[in-house]
N, C-alpha and C. Protein backbone atom coordinates (compact mmCIF):
# COMPACT_ATOMS: atom_id res chain seq x y z
N MET A 1 -1.38 17.05 2.01
CA MET A 1 -0.47 15.91 2.38
C MET A 1 -1.05 14.63 1.77
N LEU A 2 -0.21 13.81 1.22
CA LEU A 2 -0.63 12.56 0.61
C LEU A 2 -1.02 11.54 1.65
N ASP A 3 -2.01 10.70 1.31
CA ASP A 3 -2.34 9.54 2.16
C ASP A 3 -1.99 8.24 1.49
N LYS A 4 -1.43 8.33 0.27
CA LYS A 4 -0.94 7.22 -0.49
C LYS A 4 -0.05 7.73 -1.58
N PHE A 5 0.81 6.88 -2.10
CA PHE A 5 1.63 7.28 -3.23
C PHE A 5 1.97 6.05 -4.10
N THR A 6 2.46 6.34 -5.30
CA THR A 6 2.85 5.27 -6.19
C THR A 6 4.25 4.74 -5.90
N PHE A 7 4.33 3.45 -5.60
CA PHE A 7 5.62 2.84 -5.28
C PHE A 7 6.11 2.08 -6.52
N TYR A 8 7.22 2.53 -7.10
CA TYR A 8 7.74 1.92 -8.32
C TYR A 8 8.81 0.82 -8.04
N ASP A 9 8.93 -0.10 -9.01
CA ASP A 9 9.92 -1.14 -8.82
C ASP A 9 11.35 -0.58 -8.84
N LEU A 10 11.48 0.68 -9.33
CA LEU A 10 12.76 1.37 -9.23
C LEU A 10 13.22 1.46 -7.77
N TYR A 11 12.28 1.73 -6.87
CA TYR A 11 12.63 1.84 -5.47
C TYR A 11 13.09 0.47 -4.90
N TYR A 12 12.34 -0.55 -5.31
CA TYR A 12 12.71 -1.88 -4.84
C TYR A 12 14.08 -2.34 -5.34
N LYS A 13 14.40 -2.01 -6.60
CA LYS A 13 15.71 -2.36 -7.15
C LYS A 13 16.82 -1.71 -6.34
N ALA A 14 16.55 -0.55 -5.80
CA ALA A 14 17.60 0.16 -5.03
C ALA A 14 17.81 -0.43 -3.65
N LEU A 15 16.85 -1.19 -3.14
CA LEU A 15 16.98 -1.68 -1.75
C LEU A 15 17.01 -3.20 -1.65
N LYS A 16 16.62 -3.93 -2.64
CA LYS A 16 16.47 -5.42 -2.52
C LYS A 16 17.78 -6.15 -2.22
N ASP A 17 18.91 -5.67 -2.70
CA ASP A 17 20.17 -6.33 -2.46
C ASP A 17 20.93 -5.77 -1.28
N GLU A 18 20.35 -4.76 -0.63
CA GLU A 18 20.94 -4.19 0.57
C GLU A 18 20.60 -5.05 1.80
N THR A 19 21.29 -4.86 2.88
CA THR A 19 20.93 -5.55 4.12
C THR A 19 19.56 -5.07 4.55
N ASP A 20 18.90 -5.86 5.39
CA ASP A 20 17.56 -5.48 5.86
C ASP A 20 17.67 -4.11 6.63
N GLU A 21 18.77 -3.92 7.33
CA GLU A 21 18.89 -2.69 8.11
C GLU A 21 18.95 -1.45 7.17
N ILE A 22 19.72 -1.52 6.09
CA ILE A 22 19.81 -0.43 5.16
C ILE A 22 18.50 -0.26 4.42
N ALA A 23 17.90 -1.40 4.02
CA ALA A 23 16.57 -1.33 3.34
C ALA A 23 15.54 -0.68 4.27
N GLY A 24 15.63 -0.99 5.56
CA GLY A 24 14.72 -0.40 6.56
C GLY A 24 14.89 1.11 6.65
N ARG A 25 16.10 1.52 6.72
CA ARG A 25 16.36 3.01 6.77
C ARG A 25 15.86 3.67 5.50
N THR A 26 16.07 3.01 4.36
CA THR A 26 15.70 3.58 3.09
C THR A 26 14.16 3.73 2.99
N ILE A 27 13.43 2.67 3.34
CA ILE A 27 11.98 2.76 3.19
C ILE A 27 11.44 3.79 4.19
N LYS A 28 12.00 3.90 5.36
CA LYS A 28 11.54 4.90 6.32
C LYS A 28 11.74 6.30 5.75
N ASN A 29 12.92 6.52 5.08
CA ASN A 29 13.12 7.84 4.48
C ASN A 29 12.22 8.09 3.29
N ILE A 30 11.94 7.06 2.50
CA ILE A 30 11.02 7.20 1.36
C ILE A 30 9.65 7.63 1.88
N CYS A 31 9.16 7.01 2.96
CA CYS A 31 7.88 7.32 3.50
C CYS A 31 7.85 8.73 4.10
N LYS A 32 8.93 9.15 4.73
CA LYS A 32 9.00 10.49 5.31
C LYS A 32 8.91 11.53 4.21
N VAL A 33 9.59 11.29 3.08
CA VAL A 33 9.54 12.23 1.95
C VAL A 33 8.10 12.32 1.43
N MET A 34 7.44 11.17 1.25
CA MET A 34 6.17 11.15 0.55
C MET A 34 5.00 11.52 1.48
N PHE A 35 5.09 11.23 2.78
CA PHE A 35 3.98 11.43 3.68
C PHE A 35 4.12 12.65 4.60
N THR A 36 5.35 13.20 4.72
CA THR A 36 5.58 14.25 5.71
C THR A 36 6.37 15.38 5.03
N GLU A 37 6.61 16.45 5.83
CA GLU A 37 7.49 17.53 5.37
C GLU A 37 8.78 17.54 6.19
N GLU A 38 9.03 16.41 6.81
CA GLU A 38 10.22 16.24 7.69
C GLU A 38 11.52 16.34 6.87
N GLN A 39 12.46 17.10 7.39
CA GLN A 39 13.79 17.19 6.75
C GLN A 39 14.59 15.94 7.05
N ILE A 40 15.23 15.37 6.03
CA ILE A 40 15.94 14.09 6.15
C ILE A 40 17.45 14.34 5.99
N SER A 41 18.21 13.86 6.92
CA SER A 41 19.68 14.01 6.80
C SER A 41 20.16 12.94 5.84
N PRO A 42 21.06 13.27 4.91
CA PRO A 42 21.63 12.25 4.01
C PRO A 42 22.35 11.17 4.77
N PRO A 43 22.32 9.92 4.30
CA PRO A 43 23.07 8.87 4.97
C PRO A 43 24.56 9.17 5.02
N GLN A 44 25.23 8.68 6.05
CA GLN A 44 26.64 8.95 6.24
C GLN A 44 27.47 8.04 5.30
N ASP A 45 27.04 6.85 5.08
CA ASP A 45 27.82 5.96 4.21
C ASP A 45 27.75 6.47 2.79
N GLU A 46 28.92 6.50 2.11
CA GLU A 46 29.01 7.08 0.78
C GLU A 46 28.12 6.39 -0.23
N LYS A 47 28.14 5.06 -0.26
CA LYS A 47 27.37 4.33 -1.24
C LYS A 47 25.87 4.47 -0.92
N GLU A 48 25.49 4.40 0.34
CA GLU A 48 24.10 4.57 0.71
C GLU A 48 23.58 5.97 0.37
N ARG A 49 24.47 6.95 0.56
CA ARG A 49 24.13 8.31 0.24
C ARG A 49 23.91 8.51 -1.26
N PHE A 50 24.79 7.91 -2.06
CA PHE A 50 24.66 7.98 -3.50
C PHE A 50 23.33 7.40 -3.99
N GLU A 51 23.00 6.21 -3.46
CA GLU A 51 21.70 5.58 -3.81
C GLU A 51 20.54 6.45 -3.42
N TRP A 52 20.59 7.02 -2.24
CA TRP A 52 19.49 7.84 -1.72
C TRP A 52 19.33 9.14 -2.53
N GLU A 53 20.40 9.80 -2.89
CA GLU A 53 20.30 11.03 -3.65
C GLU A 53 19.67 10.82 -5.03
N ASN A 54 19.94 9.65 -5.62
CA ASN A 54 19.36 9.33 -6.91
C ASN A 54 17.85 9.00 -6.75
N LEU A 55 17.49 8.29 -5.68
CA LEU A 55 16.07 8.03 -5.44
C LEU A 55 15.31 9.29 -5.18
N LEU A 56 15.97 10.21 -4.45
CA LEU A 56 15.28 11.42 -4.03
C LEU A 56 14.78 12.24 -5.18
N LEU A 57 15.52 12.25 -6.29
CA LEU A 57 15.08 12.99 -7.47
C LEU A 57 13.74 12.55 -7.97
N THR A 58 13.59 11.22 -8.04
CA THR A 58 12.30 10.65 -8.50
C THR A 58 11.19 10.86 -7.49
N LEU A 59 11.53 10.65 -6.21
CA LEU A 59 10.51 10.81 -5.15
C LEU A 59 9.93 12.23 -5.15
N ASN A 60 10.82 13.24 -5.24
CA ASN A 60 10.35 14.61 -5.23
C ASN A 60 9.46 14.94 -6.43
N THR A 61 9.87 14.39 -7.58
CA THR A 61 9.10 14.59 -8.81
C THR A 61 7.69 14.00 -8.70
N VAL A 62 7.66 12.73 -8.24
CA VAL A 62 6.37 12.07 -8.07
C VAL A 62 5.48 12.73 -7.02
N LYS A 63 6.11 13.14 -5.93
CA LYS A 63 5.32 13.80 -4.88
C LYS A 63 4.68 15.07 -5.38
N ALA A 64 5.41 15.85 -6.13
CA ALA A 64 4.87 17.09 -6.67
C ALA A 64 3.68 16.86 -7.59
N ILE A 65 3.81 15.83 -8.44
CA ILE A 65 2.72 15.47 -9.37
C ILE A 65 1.50 14.98 -8.64
N GLU A 66 1.68 14.05 -7.68
CA GLU A 66 0.56 13.45 -7.01
C GLU A 66 -0.07 14.42 -6.02
N THR A 67 0.72 15.33 -5.43
CA THR A 67 0.15 16.33 -4.53
C THR A 67 -0.78 17.27 -5.30
N ALA A 68 -0.48 17.45 -6.60
CA ALA A 68 -1.31 18.30 -7.44
C ALA A 68 -2.58 17.51 -7.96
N GLY A 69 -2.73 16.29 -7.51
CA GLY A 69 -3.90 15.49 -7.88
C GLY A 69 -3.78 14.87 -9.25
N LYS A 70 -2.55 14.79 -9.79
CA LYS A 70 -2.34 14.19 -11.08
C LYS A 70 -1.64 12.87 -11.00
N GLN A 71 -1.45 12.21 -12.15
CA GLN A 71 -0.75 10.94 -12.19
C GLN A 71 0.56 11.09 -12.93
N PRO A 72 1.65 10.43 -12.44
CA PRO A 72 2.91 10.45 -13.18
C PRO A 72 2.87 9.51 -14.35
N ARG A 73 2.19 9.94 -15.43
CA ARG A 73 1.86 9.02 -16.53
C ARG A 73 3.12 8.44 -17.20
N THR A 74 4.15 9.29 -17.39
CA THR A 74 5.34 8.77 -18.08
C THR A 74 5.98 7.65 -17.31
N LEU A 75 6.13 7.87 -15.99
CA LEU A 75 6.71 6.77 -15.15
C LEU A 75 5.82 5.58 -15.10
N ASN A 76 4.50 5.80 -15.05
CA ASN A 76 3.53 4.68 -14.98
C ASN A 76 3.65 3.77 -16.22
N LYS A 77 3.98 4.39 -17.36
CA LYS A 77 4.07 3.59 -18.57
C LYS A 77 5.37 2.77 -18.62
N LYS A 78 6.39 3.23 -17.90
CA LYS A 78 7.71 2.62 -18.02
C LYS A 78 8.00 1.61 -16.89
N MET A 79 7.29 1.73 -15.77
CA MET A 79 7.74 0.94 -14.59
C MET A 79 6.54 0.21 -13.93
N LYS A 80 6.84 -0.93 -13.37
CA LYS A 80 5.86 -1.64 -12.53
C LYS A 80 5.65 -0.80 -11.29
N ARG A 81 4.44 -0.94 -10.66
CA ARG A 81 4.15 -0.09 -9.53
C ARG A 81 3.00 -0.68 -8.71
N PHE A 82 2.83 -0.18 -7.52
CA PHE A 82 1.66 -0.46 -6.75
C PHE A 82 1.38 0.72 -5.82
N THR A 83 0.18 0.81 -5.31
CA THR A 83 -0.18 1.91 -4.42
C THR A 83 0.28 1.63 -3.00
N PHE A 84 1.06 2.56 -2.49
CA PHE A 84 1.61 2.39 -1.15
C PHE A 84 0.76 3.27 -0.21
N TYR A 85 0.06 2.60 0.71
CA TYR A 85 -0.88 3.30 1.57
C TYR A 85 -0.23 3.72 2.89
N MET A 86 -0.85 4.71 3.53
CA MET A 86 -0.39 5.20 4.83
C MET A 86 -0.33 4.09 5.86
N SER A 87 -1.23 3.10 5.73
CA SER A 87 -1.24 2.02 6.74
C SER A 87 0.06 1.20 6.66
N TYR A 88 0.69 1.10 5.49
CA TYR A 88 1.98 0.41 5.40
C TYR A 88 3.05 1.19 6.16
N TYR A 89 3.00 2.50 6.04
CA TYR A 89 3.95 3.32 6.81
C TYR A 89 3.69 3.20 8.30
N SER A 90 2.45 3.09 8.68
CA SER A 90 2.09 2.96 10.08
C SER A 90 2.81 1.71 10.66
N ALA A 91 2.79 0.64 9.87
CA ALA A 91 3.47 -0.58 10.29
C ALA A 91 4.98 -0.40 10.37
N ILE A 92 5.53 0.25 9.31
CA ILE A 92 6.95 0.47 9.27
C ILE A 92 7.47 1.30 10.44
N LYS A 93 6.70 2.27 10.87
CA LYS A 93 7.13 3.13 11.99
C LYS A 93 7.19 2.35 13.27
N LEU A 94 6.47 1.25 13.35
CA LEU A 94 6.48 0.43 14.56
C LEU A 94 7.64 -0.57 14.62
N LEU A 95 8.33 -0.68 13.48
CA LEU A 95 9.36 -1.68 13.35
C LEU A 95 10.76 -1.07 13.46
N GLY A 96 11.73 -1.84 13.95
CA GLY A 96 13.14 -1.44 13.88
C GLY A 96 13.58 -1.48 12.45
N ASP A 97 14.80 -0.97 12.20
CA ASP A 97 15.27 -0.88 10.83
C ASP A 97 15.35 -2.23 10.10
N SER A 98 15.86 -3.25 10.78
CA SER A 98 15.98 -4.57 10.15
C SER A 98 14.62 -5.17 9.84
N ASP A 99 13.70 -5.10 10.77
CA ASP A 99 12.34 -5.63 10.49
C ASP A 99 11.60 -4.81 9.45
N ALA A 100 11.83 -3.48 9.43
CA ALA A 100 11.22 -2.64 8.41
C ALA A 100 11.76 -3.03 7.01
N GLY A 101 13.05 -3.35 6.96
CA GLY A 101 13.63 -3.81 5.68
C GLY A 101 13.04 -5.11 5.22
N ALA A 102 12.90 -6.04 6.14
CA ALA A 102 12.30 -7.34 5.81
C ALA A 102 10.85 -7.17 5.38
N TYR A 103 10.18 -6.27 5.99
CA TYR A 103 8.74 -5.99 5.67
C TYR A 103 8.59 -5.45 4.23
N ILE A 104 9.38 -4.47 3.91
CA ILE A 104 9.21 -3.87 2.54
C ILE A 104 9.68 -4.82 1.45
N LYS A 105 10.70 -5.61 1.76
CA LYS A 105 11.17 -6.63 0.79
C LYS A 105 10.08 -7.67 0.58
N ALA A 106 9.37 -8.06 1.64
CA ALA A 106 8.29 -9.04 1.56
C ALA A 106 7.15 -8.49 0.71
N LEU A 107 6.78 -7.21 0.93
CA LEU A 107 5.72 -6.57 0.16
C LEU A 107 6.08 -6.55 -1.32
N CYS A 108 7.31 -6.13 -1.61
CA CYS A 108 7.74 -5.97 -3.00
C CYS A 108 7.82 -7.32 -3.73
N GLU A 109 8.34 -8.30 -3.07
CA GLU A 109 8.45 -9.65 -3.63
C GLU A 109 7.08 -10.17 -3.97
N TYR A 110 6.14 -9.93 -3.08
CA TYR A 110 4.76 -10.43 -3.28
C TYR A 110 4.12 -9.67 -4.45
N VAL A 111 4.27 -8.38 -4.50
CA VAL A 111 3.61 -7.57 -5.57
C VAL A 111 4.30 -7.78 -6.90
N PHE A 112 5.60 -7.61 -6.96
CA PHE A 112 6.29 -7.60 -8.26
C PHE A 112 6.61 -8.99 -8.79
N ASN A 113 6.83 -9.95 -7.89
CA ASN A 113 7.27 -11.28 -8.34
C ASN A 113 6.29 -12.40 -7.95
N GLY A 114 5.23 -12.08 -7.20
CA GLY A 114 4.26 -13.08 -6.84
C GLY A 114 4.73 -14.14 -5.88
N LYS A 115 5.78 -13.81 -5.13
CA LYS A 115 6.39 -14.76 -4.17
C LYS A 115 5.91 -14.54 -2.78
N GLU A 116 5.44 -15.58 -2.12
CA GLU A 116 5.07 -15.49 -0.74
C GLU A 116 6.31 -15.42 0.14
N PRO A 117 6.37 -14.53 1.12
CA PRO A 117 7.53 -14.43 1.98
C PRO A 117 7.68 -15.63 2.90
N LYS A 118 8.91 -15.95 3.18
CA LYS A 118 9.21 -17.09 4.10
C LYS A 118 10.13 -16.63 5.19
N ASN A 119 10.04 -17.29 6.32
CA ASN A 119 11.01 -17.08 7.42
C ASN A 119 10.97 -15.66 7.94
N LEU A 120 9.81 -15.04 7.94
CA LEU A 120 9.70 -13.68 8.51
C LEU A 120 9.62 -13.81 10.02
N SER A 121 10.05 -12.81 10.70
CA SER A 121 9.88 -12.78 12.17
C SER A 121 8.37 -12.70 12.43
N PRO A 122 7.94 -13.09 13.63
CA PRO A 122 6.49 -13.08 13.94
C PRO A 122 5.83 -11.71 13.70
N VAL A 123 6.57 -10.63 14.15
CA VAL A 123 5.94 -9.33 14.00
C VAL A 123 5.86 -8.85 12.55
N VAL A 124 6.90 -9.17 11.75
CA VAL A 124 6.87 -8.79 10.35
C VAL A 124 5.81 -9.64 9.61
N ASP A 125 5.71 -10.90 9.94
CA ASP A 125 4.71 -11.74 9.31
C ASP A 125 3.30 -11.25 9.62
N LYS A 126 3.11 -10.82 10.87
CA LYS A 126 1.82 -10.27 11.28
C LYS A 126 1.45 -9.01 10.48
N TYR A 127 2.38 -8.07 10.36
CA TYR A 127 2.09 -6.85 9.66
C TYR A 127 1.96 -7.06 8.15
N PHE A 128 2.75 -8.00 7.61
CA PHE A 128 2.59 -8.35 6.20
C PHE A 128 1.20 -8.89 5.93
N GLY A 129 0.67 -9.72 6.88
CA GLY A 129 -0.65 -10.29 6.69
C GLY A 129 -1.72 -9.23 6.60
N TYR A 130 -1.53 -8.09 7.36
CA TYR A 130 -2.51 -6.99 7.25
C TYR A 130 -2.52 -6.39 5.89
N ALA A 131 -1.35 -6.30 5.23
CA ALA A 131 -1.25 -5.63 3.95
C ALA A 131 -1.63 -6.56 2.79
N LYS A 132 -1.51 -7.86 3.01
CA LYS A 132 -1.62 -8.79 1.93
C LYS A 132 -3.03 -8.73 1.28
N TRP A 133 -4.07 -8.53 2.06
CA TRP A 133 -5.42 -8.51 1.46
C TRP A 133 -5.56 -7.43 0.45
N ASN A 134 -5.15 -6.20 0.77
CA ASN A 134 -5.22 -5.10 -0.16
C ASN A 134 -4.41 -5.36 -1.40
N ILE A 135 -3.21 -5.86 -1.21
CA ILE A 135 -2.29 -6.12 -2.35
C ILE A 135 -2.88 -7.20 -3.29
N THR A 136 -3.44 -8.24 -2.68
CA THR A 136 -4.02 -9.31 -3.48
C THR A 136 -5.17 -8.88 -4.34
N ILE A 137 -6.10 -8.11 -3.75
CA ILE A 137 -7.23 -7.60 -4.46
C ILE A 137 -6.80 -6.67 -5.59
N SER A 138 -5.83 -5.79 -5.27
CA SER A 138 -5.33 -4.84 -6.31
C SER A 138 -4.72 -5.59 -7.46
N LYS A 139 -3.92 -6.60 -7.20
CA LYS A 139 -3.27 -7.37 -8.25
C LYS A 139 -4.29 -8.09 -9.14
N MET A 140 -5.29 -8.69 -8.50
CA MET A 140 -6.34 -9.40 -9.23
C MET A 140 -7.08 -8.45 -10.19
N ARG A 141 -7.40 -7.28 -9.69
CA ARG A 141 -8.20 -6.36 -10.50
C ARG A 141 -7.40 -5.72 -11.62
N ILE A 142 -6.13 -5.40 -11.36
CA ILE A 142 -5.26 -4.83 -12.40
C ILE A 142 -5.04 -5.89 -13.50
N SER A 143 -4.84 -7.13 -13.07
CA SER A 143 -4.62 -8.18 -14.05
C SER A 143 -5.87 -8.39 -14.90
N ALA A 144 -7.03 -8.41 -14.26
CA ALA A 144 -8.30 -8.58 -15.02
C ALA A 144 -8.51 -7.42 -15.99
N GLY A 145 -8.14 -6.24 -15.62
CA GLY A 145 -8.33 -5.08 -16.45
C GLY A 145 -7.47 -5.06 -17.69
N ARG A 146 -6.34 -5.80 -17.63
CA ARG A 146 -5.43 -5.85 -18.76
C ARG A 146 -5.75 -6.92 -19.75
N LYS A 147 -6.64 -7.85 -19.43
CA LYS A 147 -6.97 -8.95 -20.35
C LYS A 147 -7.62 -8.39 -21.60
N GLY A 148 -7.28 -8.97 -22.72
CA GLY A 148 -7.87 -8.54 -23.99
C GLY A 148 -7.00 -7.55 -24.73
N GLY A 149 -6.07 -6.93 -23.99
CA GLY A 149 -5.13 -5.99 -24.67
C GLY A 149 -5.73 -4.71 -25.14
N LYS A 150 -6.91 -4.35 -24.69
CA LYS A 150 -7.52 -3.11 -25.15
C LYS A 150 -7.22 -1.95 -24.19
N ALA A 151 -7.04 -0.78 -24.79
CA ALA A 151 -6.72 0.38 -23.99
C ALA A 151 -8.01 0.97 -23.43
N THR A 152 -8.39 0.49 -22.24
CA THR A 152 -9.64 0.97 -21.61
C THR A 152 -9.27 1.78 -20.38
N PRO A 153 -10.14 2.73 -20.00
CA PRO A 153 -9.83 3.53 -18.81
C PRO A 153 -9.62 2.66 -17.56
N GLU A 154 -8.61 2.98 -16.80
CA GLU A 154 -8.33 2.17 -15.63
C GLU A 154 -9.32 2.46 -14.51
N LYS A 155 -10.00 1.39 -14.07
CA LYS A 155 -11.02 1.53 -13.03
C LYS A 155 -10.35 1.74 -11.67
N GLU A 156 -10.89 2.56 -10.88
CA GLU A 156 -10.38 2.78 -9.55
C GLU A 156 -10.46 1.53 -8.72
N VAL A 157 -9.43 1.14 -8.08
CA VAL A 157 -9.43 -0.06 -7.28
C VAL A 157 -9.92 0.27 -5.86
N ILE A 158 -10.98 -0.43 -5.43
CA ILE A 158 -11.49 -0.23 -4.07
C ILE A 158 -10.79 -1.24 -3.17
N THR A 159 -10.15 -0.71 -2.14
CA THR A 159 -9.44 -1.53 -1.18
C THR A 159 -9.98 -1.28 0.21
N LEU A 160 -9.59 -2.13 1.15
CA LEU A 160 -10.04 -1.91 2.51
C LEU A 160 -9.49 -0.55 3.03
N ASP A 161 -8.26 -0.25 2.68
CA ASP A 161 -7.67 1.04 3.12
C ASP A 161 -8.53 2.22 2.62
N LYS A 162 -8.99 2.12 1.38
CA LYS A 162 -9.78 3.24 0.84
C LYS A 162 -11.11 3.33 1.57
N ILE A 163 -11.73 2.22 1.82
CA ILE A 163 -13.02 2.15 2.52
C ILE A 163 -12.84 2.76 3.94
N LYS A 164 -11.77 2.31 4.64
CA LYS A 164 -11.54 2.77 5.98
C LYS A 164 -11.27 4.29 5.99
N THR A 165 -10.46 4.75 5.07
CA THR A 165 -10.11 6.18 5.08
C THR A 165 -11.32 7.06 4.72
N GLU A 166 -12.07 6.68 3.68
CA GLU A 166 -13.19 7.50 3.20
C GLU A 166 -14.38 7.53 4.14
N PHE A 167 -14.58 6.42 4.84
CA PHE A 167 -15.78 6.36 5.67
C PHE A 167 -15.48 6.42 7.17
N GLY A 168 -14.25 6.74 7.52
CA GLY A 168 -13.89 6.94 8.92
C GLY A 168 -13.90 5.69 9.76
N LEU A 169 -13.64 4.54 9.14
CA LEU A 169 -13.65 3.28 9.91
C LEU A 169 -12.28 3.06 10.54
N TRP A 170 -12.23 2.28 11.60
CA TRP A 170 -10.97 2.07 12.30
C TRP A 170 -10.85 0.58 12.66
N GLY A 171 -9.60 0.17 12.97
CA GLY A 171 -9.34 -1.17 13.35
C GLY A 171 -9.10 -2.08 12.14
N ASP A 172 -8.85 -3.39 12.40
CA ASP A 172 -8.59 -4.34 11.36
C ASP A 172 -9.38 -5.61 11.62
N ILE A 173 -9.50 -6.44 10.58
CA ILE A 173 -10.14 -7.75 10.73
C ILE A 173 -9.03 -8.75 10.54
N LEU A 174 -8.67 -9.41 11.63
CA LEU A 174 -7.48 -10.30 11.61
C LEU A 174 -7.77 -11.61 10.90
N ASN A 175 -9.03 -12.03 10.98
CA ASN A 175 -9.42 -13.26 10.31
C ASN A 175 -9.84 -12.95 8.84
N HIS A 176 -8.91 -13.12 7.93
CA HIS A 176 -9.16 -12.71 6.54
C HIS A 176 -10.24 -13.62 5.86
N GLU A 177 -10.47 -14.80 6.45
CA GLU A 177 -11.53 -15.68 5.90
C GLU A 177 -12.87 -14.96 6.03
N TYR A 178 -13.01 -14.12 6.98
CA TYR A 178 -14.27 -13.38 7.19
C TYR A 178 -14.61 -12.53 5.96
N LEU A 179 -13.57 -12.08 5.24
CA LEU A 179 -13.74 -11.20 4.10
C LEU A 179 -13.67 -11.88 2.74
N LYS A 180 -13.45 -13.18 2.72
CA LYS A 180 -13.16 -13.85 1.43
C LYS A 180 -14.30 -13.71 0.43
N ASP A 181 -15.56 -13.62 0.87
CA ASP A 181 -16.64 -13.52 -0.08
C ASP A 181 -17.20 -12.08 -0.16
N VAL A 182 -16.45 -11.10 0.38
CA VAL A 182 -16.90 -9.73 0.34
C VAL A 182 -16.54 -9.10 -0.96
N ASP A 183 -17.47 -8.51 -1.68
CA ASP A 183 -17.22 -7.73 -2.87
C ASP A 183 -16.98 -6.28 -2.40
N LEU A 184 -15.73 -5.86 -2.45
CA LEU A 184 -15.36 -4.54 -1.95
C LEU A 184 -16.04 -3.40 -2.73
N ASP A 185 -16.25 -3.61 -4.02
CA ASP A 185 -16.95 -2.58 -4.79
C ASP A 185 -18.37 -2.40 -4.28
N ASP A 186 -19.03 -3.54 -4.00
CA ASP A 186 -20.38 -3.50 -3.52
C ASP A 186 -20.44 -2.91 -2.09
N ALA A 187 -19.46 -3.28 -1.29
CA ALA A 187 -19.41 -2.72 0.08
C ALA A 187 -19.19 -1.23 0.05
N TYR A 188 -18.33 -0.76 -0.86
CA TYR A 188 -18.08 0.63 -0.99
C TYR A 188 -19.38 1.40 -1.35
N LYS A 189 -20.13 0.85 -2.30
CA LYS A 189 -21.39 1.46 -2.69
C LYS A 189 -22.37 1.51 -1.55
N TYR A 190 -22.38 0.44 -0.75
CA TYR A 190 -23.26 0.36 0.42
C TYR A 190 -22.96 1.47 1.43
N PHE A 191 -21.66 1.59 1.79
CA PHE A 191 -21.24 2.60 2.75
C PHE A 191 -21.49 4.03 2.22
N LYS A 192 -21.40 4.14 0.90
CA LYS A 192 -21.65 5.44 0.22
C LYS A 192 -23.07 5.90 0.50
N THR A 193 -24.00 4.94 0.52
CA THR A 193 -25.41 5.30 0.64
C THR A 193 -25.99 5.06 2.03
N HIS A 194 -25.14 4.61 2.98
CA HIS A 194 -25.61 4.37 4.32
C HIS A 194 -24.68 5.07 5.36
N PRO A 195 -24.90 6.35 5.53
CA PRO A 195 -24.04 7.10 6.43
C PRO A 195 -24.03 6.58 7.87
N ASP A 196 -25.10 5.85 8.27
CA ASP A 196 -25.16 5.36 9.63
C ASP A 196 -24.10 4.24 9.89
N CYS A 197 -23.49 3.70 8.83
CA CYS A 197 -22.48 2.68 9.00
C CYS A 197 -21.07 3.25 9.12
N ARG A 198 -20.95 4.55 9.02
CA ARG A 198 -19.64 5.17 9.02
C ARG A 198 -19.16 5.42 10.45
N ARG A 199 -17.83 5.71 10.55
CA ARG A 199 -17.23 6.06 11.83
C ARG A 199 -17.43 4.98 12.88
N LYS A 200 -17.27 3.75 12.45
CA LYS A 200 -17.36 2.62 13.36
C LYS A 200 -16.14 1.73 13.15
N SER A 201 -16.00 0.69 13.95
CA SER A 201 -14.90 -0.25 13.71
C SER A 201 -15.17 -0.99 12.37
N LEU A 202 -14.11 -1.36 11.72
CA LEU A 202 -14.21 -2.02 10.42
C LEU A 202 -15.05 -3.31 10.55
N PHE A 203 -14.79 -4.04 11.65
CA PHE A 203 -15.50 -5.30 11.85
C PHE A 203 -16.99 -5.08 11.99
N VAL A 204 -17.42 -4.10 12.81
CA VAL A 204 -18.82 -3.80 12.98
C VAL A 204 -19.48 -3.35 11.69
N ALA A 205 -18.80 -2.44 10.96
CA ALA A 205 -19.35 -1.92 9.70
C ALA A 205 -19.52 -3.04 8.70
N MET A 206 -18.56 -3.91 8.55
CA MET A 206 -18.64 -5.03 7.62
C MET A 206 -19.73 -5.98 8.01
N LYS A 207 -19.89 -6.20 9.33
CA LYS A 207 -20.91 -7.10 9.83
C LYS A 207 -22.29 -6.57 9.45
N GLU A 208 -22.48 -5.20 9.63
CA GLU A 208 -23.75 -4.60 9.27
C GLU A 208 -24.01 -4.70 7.76
N TYR A 209 -22.96 -4.50 6.98
CA TYR A 209 -23.05 -4.62 5.50
C TYR A 209 -23.51 -6.04 5.12
N LEU A 210 -22.84 -7.05 5.68
CA LEU A 210 -23.15 -8.44 5.33
C LEU A 210 -24.54 -8.84 5.76
N GLN A 211 -24.96 -8.35 6.93
CA GLN A 211 -26.29 -8.63 7.39
C GLN A 211 -27.37 -8.00 6.51
N SER A 212 -27.10 -6.77 6.06
CA SER A 212 -28.00 -6.06 5.17
C SER A 212 -28.07 -6.78 3.84
N LYS A 213 -26.94 -7.23 3.34
CA LYS A 213 -26.89 -7.97 2.06
C LYS A 213 -27.67 -9.28 2.16
N ALA A 214 -27.51 -9.96 3.30
CA ALA A 214 -28.23 -11.23 3.51
C ALA A 214 -29.74 -11.00 3.55
N ASN A 215 -30.13 -9.86 4.01
CA ASN A 215 -31.57 -9.50 4.12
C ASN A 215 -32.16 -9.00 2.79
N GLY A 216 -31.27 -8.87 1.79
CA GLY A 216 -31.75 -8.46 0.45
C GLY A 216 -31.81 -6.99 0.23
N PHE A 217 -31.11 -6.20 1.08
CA PHE A 217 -31.11 -4.75 0.91
C PHE A 217 -29.94 -4.34 0.03
């Protein structure tokens, strides 16, 4: 089962002009296809069903490739994309259809167009804030990797979600200022070599990492 998948701008184009309610239903179905084996009933509305059936072809193709541990290289060359983590789906499952639609539109606008969301409901704004850190770091590193125009191997992006998943950490750090000077690559290497810091809350683990770094270890 996947714990993340590649989210293409093709998906956003299919939902950005829809109402938040339809966009919310669509992103919930996209996540069910990619993260679960749940059977999904086609939408009743004819236009919504047409859009969904066309999306489903790509979703199933990408899922098969990524489940096999490979990359959809042809699609990656043609379309803008970002990594969609299970934590985003966790937020979406807690939201009603309209709020889920507003949430995914906010994520996509931020990733694909660099626009900060405005006028979000308090709960959507809260959940978007949780995702923003990972998205910002990913965008910065992808952009830096493209400078110079040379075809170099793409370095794996270390995000908070990856660190949490790999080292069994739980919880979130709501004050993002606490992490502004954290080098996630360095933190990842630290947790890799310090098993005693695993399976703790994210806040405690990061605190131990920062204290160790301050002590020169």
